Amino acid sequence: MIEGISVMLILGVLAVFAAPRFSSSSTYPVVGARDVGMSIARQIQLRAMQQEFPLGVCNALHIAPSRLGGSDTQECAGNQPSNRTDVLDLENESITISSSIASVSFDLLGRPFSMDGTTRLCTGVGGCKISFMKGGASSSFCLNGEGYFDDLCSG
């Protein structure tokens, strides 16, 4: 009887962890892309905060429908543009990115600014939302006016 209860307990625990994988497997690539995108955005923000003159093209986050990351200019990419760790390219993944901002630069405190450094960005309620979508699945993260990233967007 103890063996039977043990087997049922183990099967119950396995079912709790395995059931979501079978029911909504289409959300995993989207959530994974969101997590990588947020990590890259933080990487670019930290790089900008460590520079003497942070505002500029090479220390900015650029967002396009299939790409998120650093600038793709030769000046910023260097000799090996294919080995960059600050770019998420989703062109072959059929995941699209949408955002209320196309490019954002960061000051020494990590706060988001326009590319010319004159306007603070993402200061409204909820900040700037960056969404990743594939089919009916979507996931997003937000950047607020003080430079904090959050995967639980409010507002």
Protein backbone atom coordinates (compact mmCIF):
# COMPACT_ATOMS: atom_id res chain seq x y z
CA MET A 1 0.00 0.00 0.00
CA ILE A 2 2.86 2.40 0.79
CA GLU A 3 4.41 1.63 -2.61
CA GLY A 4 1.12 2.38 -4.34
CA ILE A 5 0.78 5.73 -2.57
CA SER A 6 4.41 6.58 -3.40
CA VAL A 7 3.88 5.80 -7.09
CA MET A 8 0.70 7.91 -7.20
CA LEU A 9 2.48 10.78 -5.47
CA ILE A 10 5.37 10.69 -7.95
CA LEU A 11 2.96 10.53 -10.91
CA GLY A 12 1.00 13.46 -9.48
CA VAL A 13 4.14 15.60 -9.16
CA LEU A 14 5.22 14.71 -12.70
CA ALA A 15 1.76 15.55 -14.04
CA VAL A 16 1.83 18.99 -12.42
CA PHE A 17 5.09 19.86 -14.19
CA ALA A 18 4.39 18.09 -17.50
CA ALA A 19 0.79 19.17 -18.15
CA PRO A 20 1.55 22.84 -18.94
CA ARG A 21 4.15 21.79 -21.49
CA PHE A 22 1.59 19.81 -23.46
CA SER A 23 -1.23 22.32 -23.20
CA SER A 24 0.48 25.57 -24.24
CA SER A 25 3.74 24.75 -25.96
CA SER A 26 3.36 27.67 -28.40
CA THR A 27 4.11 30.19 -25.64
CA TYR A 28 7.57 28.85 -24.80
CA PRO A 29 9.41 30.36 -27.80
CA VAL A 30 7.73 33.72 -27.16
CA VAL A 31 8.59 33.75 -23.45
CA GLY A 32 12.14 32.65 -24.28
CA ALA A 33 12.51 35.46 -26.82
CA ARG A 34 11.18 37.94 -24.26
CA ASP A 35 13.68 36.77 -21.65
CA VAL A 36 16.60 37.02 -24.09
CA GLY A 37 15.36 40.41 -25.28
CA MET A 38 15.18 41.77 -21.73
CA SER A 39 18.67 40.43 -21.00
CA ILE A 40 20.07 42.12 -24.11
CA ALA A 41 18.32 45.40 -23.25
CA ARG A 42 19.89 45.30 -19.78
CA GLN A 43 23.30 44.51 -21.29
CA ILE A 44 23.09 47.56 -23.55
CA GLN A 45 21.90 49.72 -20.67
CA LEU A 46 24.82 48.61 -18.46
CA ARG A 47 27.29 49.23 -21.27
CA ALA A 48 25.93 52.76 -21.69
CA MET A 49 26.18 53.41 -17.96
CA GLN A 50 29.88 52.50 -17.99
CA GLN A 51 30.82 54.89 -20.80
CA GLU A 52 32.04 58.45 -20.35
CA PHE A 53 29.68 59.64 -23.10
CA PRO A 54 26.82 57.12 -23.00
CA LEU A 55 24.27 58.80 -25.25
CA GLY A 56 24.87 57.71 -28.81
CA VAL A 57 24.16 55.15 -31.49
CA CYS A 58 26.53 52.45 -30.20
CA ASN A 59 25.12 52.54 -26.66
CA ALA A 60 21.48 52.52 -27.71
CA LEU A 61 18.80 49.86 -27.88
CA HIS A 62 17.24 49.57 -31.34
CA ILE A 63 13.93 47.78 -31.81
CA ALA A 64 12.58 46.54 -35.15
CA PRO A 65 9.83 43.98 -35.96
CA SER A 66 12.34 41.10 -36.16
CA ARG A 67 15.40 42.48 -34.35
CA LEU A 68 16.24 43.90 -30.93
CA GLY A 69 19.68 44.99 -29.84
CA GLY A 70 22.65 47.19 -30.49
CA SER A 71 23.31 49.15 -33.64
CA ASP A 72 24.25 47.19 -36.74
CA THR A 73 26.59 49.83 -38.14
CA GLN A 74 30.16 48.79 -38.90
CA GLU A 75 31.41 51.31 -36.35
CA CYS A 76 29.43 49.63 -33.55
CA ALA A 77 29.50 46.00 -34.70
CA GLY A 78 33.24 45.82 -35.23
CA ASN A 79 34.91 43.10 -37.28
CA GLN A 80 32.62 40.23 -36.28
CA PRO A 81 28.97 41.27 -36.59
CA SER A 82 27.81 37.63 -36.61
CA ASN A 83 29.24 36.85 -33.16
CA ARG A 84 27.53 39.67 -31.28
CA THR A 85 25.91 39.01 -27.93
CA ASP A 86 23.89 42.24 -27.93
CA VAL A 87 21.48 41.37 -30.76
CA LEU A 88 18.38 39.20 -30.87
CA ASP A 89 17.53 38.37 -34.49
CA LEU A 90 14.11 36.73 -34.87
CA GLU A 91 13.79 36.90 -38.65
CA ASN A 92 13.74 33.09 -39.03
CA GLU A 93 11.64 32.44 -35.91
CA SER A 94 8.32 33.99 -37.05
CA ILE A 95 8.22 35.94 -33.78
CA THR A 96 7.50 39.64 -34.17
CA ILE A 97 8.47 42.48 -31.85
CA SER A 98 6.34 45.55 -31.30
CA SER A 99 7.21 48.56 -29.21
CA SER A 100 6.18 52.13 -28.56
CA ILE A 101 9.81 53.17 -29.15
CA ALA A 102 12.15 52.40 -32.05
CA SER A 103 15.43 53.46 -30.41
CA VAL A 104 16.38 54.42 -26.91
CA SER A 105 19.65 55.65 -25.49
CA PHE A 106 20.61 55.55 -21.81
CA ASP A 107 22.31 58.13 -19.59
CA LEU A 108 24.87 57.38 -16.86
CA LEU A 109 22.06 56.49 -14.43
CA GLY A 110 20.48 54.07 -16.91
CA ARG A 111 17.46 56.26 -17.59
CA PRO A 112 16.01 56.06 -21.12
CA PHE A 113 16.47 59.08 -23.39
CA SER A 114 15.81 59.91 -27.02
CA MET A 115 18.73 59.36 -29.38
CA ASP A 116 19.70 63.04 -29.30
CA GLY A 117 19.66 63.05 -25.48
CA THR A 118 17.12 65.84 -25.11
CA THR A 119 13.95 63.97 -24.14
CA ARG A 120 13.36 61.48 -21.33
CA LEU A 121 11.43 58.45 -22.56
CA CYS A 122 9.09 55.93 -20.95
CA THR A 123 7.96 58.30 -18.18
CA GLY A 124 4.23 57.64 -18.50
CA VAL A 125 2.18 55.08 -16.60
CA GLY A 126 3.48 51.62 -17.45
CA GLY A 127 6.58 52.96 -19.22
CA CYS A 128 7.53 51.63 -22.64
CA LYS A 129 6.18 48.19 -23.47
CA ILE A 130 8.12 45.81 -25.71
CA SER A 131 6.04 42.84 -26.85
CA PHE A 132 6.96 39.56 -28.53
CA MET A 133 4.21 37.77 -30.51
CA LYS A 134 3.82 34.55 -32.42
CA GLY A 135 0.38 33.44 -33.51
CA GLY A 136 -1.93 33.94 -30.54
CA ALA A 137 0.85 33.87 -27.95
CA SER A 138 2.44 37.03 -26.65
CA SER A 139 4.77 38.08 -23.87
CA SER A 140 6.23 41.47 -23.01
CA PHE A 141 8.47 43.47 -20.72
CA CYS A 142 8.45 47.14 -19.82
CA LEU A 143 11.07 49.82 -19.33
CA ASN A 144 10.09 52.65 -17.01
CA GLY A 145 11.37 56.22 -16.92
CA GLU A 146 13.96 55.44 -14.25
CA GLY A 147 15.50 52.63 -16.30
CA TYR A 148 14.02 49.60 -14.56
CA PHE A 149 13.00 46.59 -16.63
CA ASP A 150 9.99 44.57 -15.52
CA ASP A 151 8.26 41.57 -17.06
CA LEU A 152 5.02 42.44 -15.24
CA CYS A 153 3.90 45.51 -17.14
CA SER A 154 1.36 47.67 -15.35
CA GLY A 155 -0.90 50.29 -16.82
